[in-house]
C-alpha atoms as a PDB file:
ATOM      1  CA  MET A   1     -27.164  21.217 -27.673  1.00  0.00           C
ATOM      2  CA  LEU A   2     -23.940  22.643 -27.046  1.00  0.00           C
ATOM      3  CA  PRO A   3     -20.951  21.406 -29.161  1.00  0.00           C
ATOM      4  CA  ARG A   4     -18.005  19.596 -26.863  1.00  0.00           C
ATOM      5  CA  GLN A   5     -15.657  21.943 -25.917  1.00  0.00           C
ATOM      6  CA  VAL A   6     -11.977  20.444 -27.103  1.00  0.00           C
ATOM      7  CA  ASN A   7      -9.419  20.796 -25.009  1.00  0.00           C
ATOM      8  CA  SER A   8      -6.287  22.723 -25.866  1.00  0.00           C
ATOM      9  CA  ASP A   9      -2.766  21.528 -25.308  1.00  0.00           C
ATOM     10  CA  ILE A  10      -0.368  22.589 -22.544  1.00  0.00           C
ATOM     11  CA  SER A  11       1.573  25.604 -23.838  1.00  0.00           C
ATOM     12  CA  THR A  12       1.638  28.021 -21.060  1.00  0.00           C
ATOM     13  CA  ARG A  13       2.780  28.625 -17.525  1.00  0.00           C
ATOM     14  CA  ALA A  14      -0.720  29.006 -16.661  1.00  0.00           C
ATOM     15  CA  ASP A  15      -1.638  25.794 -18.050  1.00  0.00           C
ATOM     16  CA  ILE A  16       0.911  24.097 -15.581  1.00  0.00           C
ATOM     17  CA  TYR A  17      -0.579  26.246 -12.681  1.00  0.00           C
ATOM     18  CA  ARG A  18      -4.119  24.736 -13.891  1.00  0.00           C
ATOM     19  CA  LEU A  19      -2.793  20.991 -14.386  1.00  0.00           C
ATOM     20  CA  VAL A  20      -0.774  21.044 -10.680  1.00  0.00           C
ATOM     21  CA  ASP A  21      -3.456  22.669  -8.689  1.00  0.00           C
ATOM     22  CA  ALA A  22      -6.134  20.384 -10.316  1.00  0.00           C
ATOM     23  CA  PHE A  23      -3.933  17.344  -9.697  1.00  0.00           C
ATOM     24  CA  TYR A  24      -3.119  18.348  -6.016  1.00  0.00           C
ATOM     25  CA  ALA A  25      -6.754  18.917  -5.310  1.00  0.00           C
ATOM     26  CA  LYS A  26      -7.175  15.137  -6.203  1.00  0.00           C
ATOM     27  CA  ALA A  27      -4.141  13.841  -4.780  1.00  0.00           C
ATOM     28  CA  LEU A  28      -4.269  15.437  -1.056  1.00  0.00           C
ATOM     29  CA  VAL A  29      -7.791  13.813  -0.443  1.00  0.00           C
ATOM     30  CA  ASP A  30      -7.139  10.591  -2.355  1.00  0.00           C
ATOM     31  CA  PRO A  31      -7.346   7.500  -0.241  1.00  0.00           C
ATOM     32  CA  VAL A  32      -4.230   5.646  -1.496  1.00  0.00           C
ATOM     33  CA  ILE A  33      -1.554   8.591  -1.600  1.00  0.00           C
ATOM     34  CA  GLY A  34      -3.548  11.689  -0.119  1.00  0.00           C
ATOM     35  CA  PHE A  35      -1.566  10.758   3.623  1.00  0.00           C
ATOM     36  CA  LEU A  36       1.443  10.608   2.332  1.00  0.00           C
ATOM     37  CA  PHE A  37       1.109  14.390   1.186  1.00  0.00           C
ATOM     38  CA  THR A  38      -1.186  15.559   4.442  1.00  0.00           C
ATOM     39  CA  GLU A  39       0.393  13.112   7.150  1.00  0.00           C
ATOM     40  CA  VAL A  40       3.825  11.862   6.018  1.00  0.00           C
ATOM     41  CA  ALA A  41       5.349  14.855   4.250  1.00  0.00           C
ATOM     42  CA  ARG A  42       3.319  17.434   5.643  1.00  0.00           C
ATOM     43  CA  ILE A  43       3.330  19.619   2.444  1.00  0.00           C
ATOM     44  CA  ASP A  44       3.161  23.493   2.899  1.00  0.00           C
ATOM     45  CA  LEU A  45       1.151  23.887  -0.368  1.00  0.00           C
ATOM     46  CA  PRO A  46       2.351  27.799  -0.452  1.00  0.00           C
ATOM     47  CA  THR A  47       5.973  26.862  -0.351  1.00  0.00           C
ATOM     48  CA  HIS A  48       5.587  23.541  -2.263  1.00  0.00           C
ATOM     49  CA  LEU A  49       3.386  24.255  -5.375  1.00  0.00           C
ATOM     50  CA  PRO A  50       5.902  27.027  -7.040  1.00  0.00           C
ATOM     51  CA  LYS A  51       8.668  24.359  -6.950  1.00  0.00           C
ATOM     52  CA  LEU A  52       6.105  22.077  -8.886  1.00  0.00           C
ATOM     53  CA  TYR A  53       5.225  24.888 -11.198  1.00  0.00           C
ATOM     54  CA  ASP A  54       8.767  25.211 -12.075  1.00  0.00           C
ATOM     55  CA  PHE A  55       9.601  21.385 -12.223  1.00  0.00           C
ATOM     56  CA  TRP A  56       6.726  20.751 -14.888  1.00  0.00           C
ATOM     57  CA  GLU A  57       7.508  24.128 -16.627  1.00  0.00           C
ATOM     58  CA  THR A  58      10.832  22.992 -17.316  1.00  0.00           C
ATOM     59  CA  LEU A  59       9.919  19.541 -18.417  1.00  0.00           C
ATOM     60  CA  LEU A  60       7.227  20.151 -20.266  1.00  0.00           C
ATOM     61  CA  LEU A  61       7.644  23.788 -21.661  1.00  0.00           C
ATOM     62  CA  GLY A  62      11.575  24.101 -21.712  1.00  0.00           C
ATOM     63  CA  ALA A  63      11.790  26.678 -19.277  1.00  0.00           C
ATOM     64  CA  THR A  64      14.990  26.857 -17.039  1.00  0.00           C
ATOM     65  CA  SER A  65      13.049  27.703 -14.118  1.00  0.00           C
ATOM     66  CA  TYR A  66      13.340  24.516 -11.892  1.00  0.00           C
ATOM     67  CA  GLN A  67      17.424  23.680 -11.120  1.00  0.00           C
ATOM     68  CA  SER A  68      17.068  21.068  -8.076  1.00  0.00           C
ATOM     69  CA  SER A  69      16.820  17.278  -8.155  1.00  0.00           C
ATOM     70  CA  PRO A  70      13.566  15.934  -7.255  1.00  0.00           C
ATOM     71  CA  LEU A  71      14.534  12.482  -5.980  1.00  0.00           C
ATOM     72  CA  MET A  72      16.538  13.138  -2.789  1.00  0.00           C
ATOM     73  CA  PRO A  73      13.456  14.398  -0.718  1.00  0.00           C
ATOM     74  CA  HIS A  74      11.411  11.416  -2.186  1.00  0.00           C
ATOM     75  CA  PHE A  75      14.477   9.072  -0.363  1.00  0.00           C
ATOM     76  CA  HIS A  76      13.575  11.175   3.146  1.00  0.00           C
ATOM     77  CA  LEU A  77       9.976  10.404   2.350  1.00  0.00           C
ATOM     78  CA  HIS A  78      10.444   6.701   1.880  1.00  0.00           C
ATOM     79  CA  MET A  79      12.492   6.869   5.224  1.00  0.00           C
ATOM     80  CA  ARG A  80       9.671   7.984   6.759  1.00  0.00           C
ATOM     81  CA  HIS A  81       6.946   5.746   5.227  1.00  0.00           C
ATOM     82  CA  PRO A  82       7.787   3.257   2.819  1.00  0.00           C
ATOM     83  CA  LEU A  83       6.802   4.181  -0.922  1.00  0.00           C
ATOM     84  CA  GLU A  84       5.318   1.357  -2.529  1.00  0.00           C
ATOM     85  CA  THR A  85       4.336   0.449  -6.148  1.00  0.00           C
ATOM     86  CA  ALA A  86       0.869   0.914  -5.565  1.00  0.00           C
ATOM     87  CA  HIS A  87       1.624   4.498  -4.708  1.00  0.00           C
ATOM     88  CA  PHE A  88       3.473   5.147  -7.735  1.00  0.00           C
ATOM     89  CA  VAL A  89       0.780   3.665  -9.774  1.00  0.00           C
ATOM     90  CA  ARG A  90      -1.820   5.697  -8.123  1.00  0.00           C
ATOM     91  CA  TRP A  91       0.026   8.943  -8.681  1.00  0.00           C
ATOM     92  CA  VAL A  92       0.516   8.372 -12.180  1.00  0.00           C
ATOM     93  CA  GLU A  93      -3.354   7.262 -12.654  1.00  0.00           C
ATOM     94  CA  LEU A  94      -4.150  10.553 -10.826  1.00  0.00           C
ATOM     95  CA  PHE A  95      -1.595  12.549 -13.134  1.00  0.00           C
ATOM     96  CA  HIS A  96      -3.043  11.282 -16.144  1.00  0.00           C
ATOM     97  CA  SER A  97      -6.715  11.686 -15.380  1.00  0.00           C
ATOM     98  CA  THR A  98      -6.069  15.302 -14.686  1.00  0.00           C
ATOM     99  CA  VAL A  99      -4.287  15.674 -17.873  1.00  0.00           C
ATOM    100  CA  ASP A 100      -7.045  14.017 -19.584  1.00  0.00           C
ATOM    101  CA  GLU A 101      -9.492  16.327 -18.112  1.00  0.00           C
ATOM    102  CA  LEU A 102      -7.842  19.439 -19.008  1.00  0.00           C
ATOM    103  CA  PHE A 103      -5.911  19.110 -22.145  1.00  0.00           C
ATOM    104  CA  ALA A 104      -5.032  17.449 -25.382  1.00  0.00           C
ATOM    105  CA  GLY A 105      -2.434  17.309 -27.360  1.00  0.00           C
ATOM    106  CA  PRO A 106       1.469  16.729 -27.779  1.00  0.00           C
ATOM    107  CA  THR A 107       2.294  18.337 -25.156  1.00  0.00           C
ATOM    108  CA  ALA A 108      -0.314  16.709 -22.470  1.00  0.00           C
ATOM    109  CA  GLN A 109       0.783  13.532 -24.080  1.00  0.00           C
ATOM    110  CA  MET A 110       4.392  14.201 -23.236  1.00  0.00           C
ATOM    111  CA  ALA A 111       3.056  15.356 -19.744  1.00  0.00           C
ATOM    112  CA  LYS A 112       1.584  11.406 -19.484  1.00  0.00           C
ATOM    113  CA  VAL A 113       4.711  10.036 -20.709  1.00  0.00           C
ATOM    114  CA  ARG A 114       6.942  11.821 -18.740  1.00  0.00           C
ATOM    115  CA  SER A 115       4.880  11.033 -15.493  1.00  0.00           C
ATOM    116  CA  GLU A 116       5.329   7.308 -16.071  1.00  0.00           C
ATOM    117  CA  ARG A 117       9.110   7.587 -16.631  1.00  0.00           C
ATOM    118  CA  ILE A 118       9.529   9.482 -13.125  1.00  0.00           C
ATOM    119  CA  ALA A 119       7.331   7.318 -11.186  1.00  0.00           C
ATOM    120  CA  LEU A 120       9.286   4.460 -12.254  1.00  0.00           C
ATOM    121  CA  ASN A 121      12.544   5.855 -12.063  1.00  0.00           C
ATOM    122  CA  PHE A 122      12.005   7.126  -8.604  1.00  0.00           C
ATOM    123  CA  ARG A 123      10.774   3.359  -7.605  1.00  0.00           C
ATOM    124  CA  GLU A 124      13.585   1.752  -9.220  1.00  0.00           C
ATOM    125  CA  ARG A 125      16.370   4.396  -7.628  1.00  0.00           C
ATOM    126  CA  ILE A 126      14.529   3.534  -4.035  1.00  0.00           C
ATOM    127  CA  GLN A 127      14.543  -0.203  -4.779  1.00  0.00           C
ATOM    128  CA  GLN A 128      18.248  -0.300  -5.746  1.00  0.00           C
ATOM    129  CA  GLY A 129      18.906   2.225  -2.471  1.00  0.00           C
ATOM    130  CA  GLU A 130      17.145  -0.856  -0.108  1.00  0.00           C
ATOM    131  CA  GLU A 131      18.836  -3.405  -1.927  1.00  0.00           C
ATOM    132  CA  ALA A 132      22.191  -1.680  -1.635  1.00  0.00           C
ATOM    133  CA  GLY A 133      21.352  -0.896   1.967  1.00  0.00           C
ATOM    134  CA  PHE A 134      21.362   2.797   1.742  1.00  0.00           C
ATOM    135  CA  PHE A 135      18.707   3.218   3.962  1.00  0.00           C
ATOM    136  CA  ASP A 136      19.889   0.369   6.414  1.00  0.00           C
ATOM    137  CA  SER A 137      21.883   3.717   8.558  1.00  0.00           C
ATOM    138  CA  HIS A 138      18.747   6.020   7.918  1.00  0.00           C
ATOM    139  CA  ARG A 139      15.884   3.594   9.212  1.00  0.00           C
ATOM    140  CA  ARG A 140      12.405   4.986   9.351  1.00  0.00           C
ATOM    141  CA  LYS A 141      12.217   5.021  12.921  1.00  0.00           C
ATOM    142  CA  THR A 142      15.135   6.969  13.710  1.00  0.00           C
ATOM    143  CA  ALA A 143      14.881   9.305  10.427  1.00  0.00           C
ATOM    144  CA  PRO A 144      14.612  12.923  11.831  1.00  0.00           C
ATOM    145  CA  ASP A 145      11.163  14.697  10.948  1.00  0.00           C
ATOM    146  CA  PRO A 146      12.410  16.760   8.381  1.00  0.00           C
ATOM    147  CA  GLY A 147       9.353  19.481   8.663  1.00  0.00           C
ATOM    148  CA  PRO A 148       6.657  20.292   6.162  1.00  0.00           C
ATOM    149  CA  ASP A 149       7.290  20.451   2.727  1.00  0.00           C
ATOM    150  CA  GLN A 150      10.270  18.585   2.314  1.00  0.00           C
ATOM    151  CA  PRO A 151       9.350  15.778  -0.092  1.00  0.00           C
ATOM    152  CA  LEU A 152       7.293  15.242  -3.193  1.00  0.00           C
END
């Protein structure tokens, strides 16, 4: 019997690629959130994935490759289709399971903690926007179709 392989920690941009690619392989076909990527956002993966590599490399490895704000695209997505708590919960579940399948160590743990904070922050900010009437003048039925690769 072969010994069980111990996963290494997230430490390079190549590791970020592995994580993001594996996560999206799951998320795109997930019955709870897959449609948000494929039907609502209609993301263009060759354009979108490099942004995510930069985002997670910046958060986890201290790079400065990501310079944007990820919140506004999620507001636009919410205007097209309500982002509900169940969507954020499922996103975190899939992200955690992907991290756990591929990596182990302090940076992997930090990735899971950061994913929880991101999901909570986005959910709270969307709820605050609803309560403040931010979306009222931009209701889903009148929101323009921003085309592929806008949210997430």
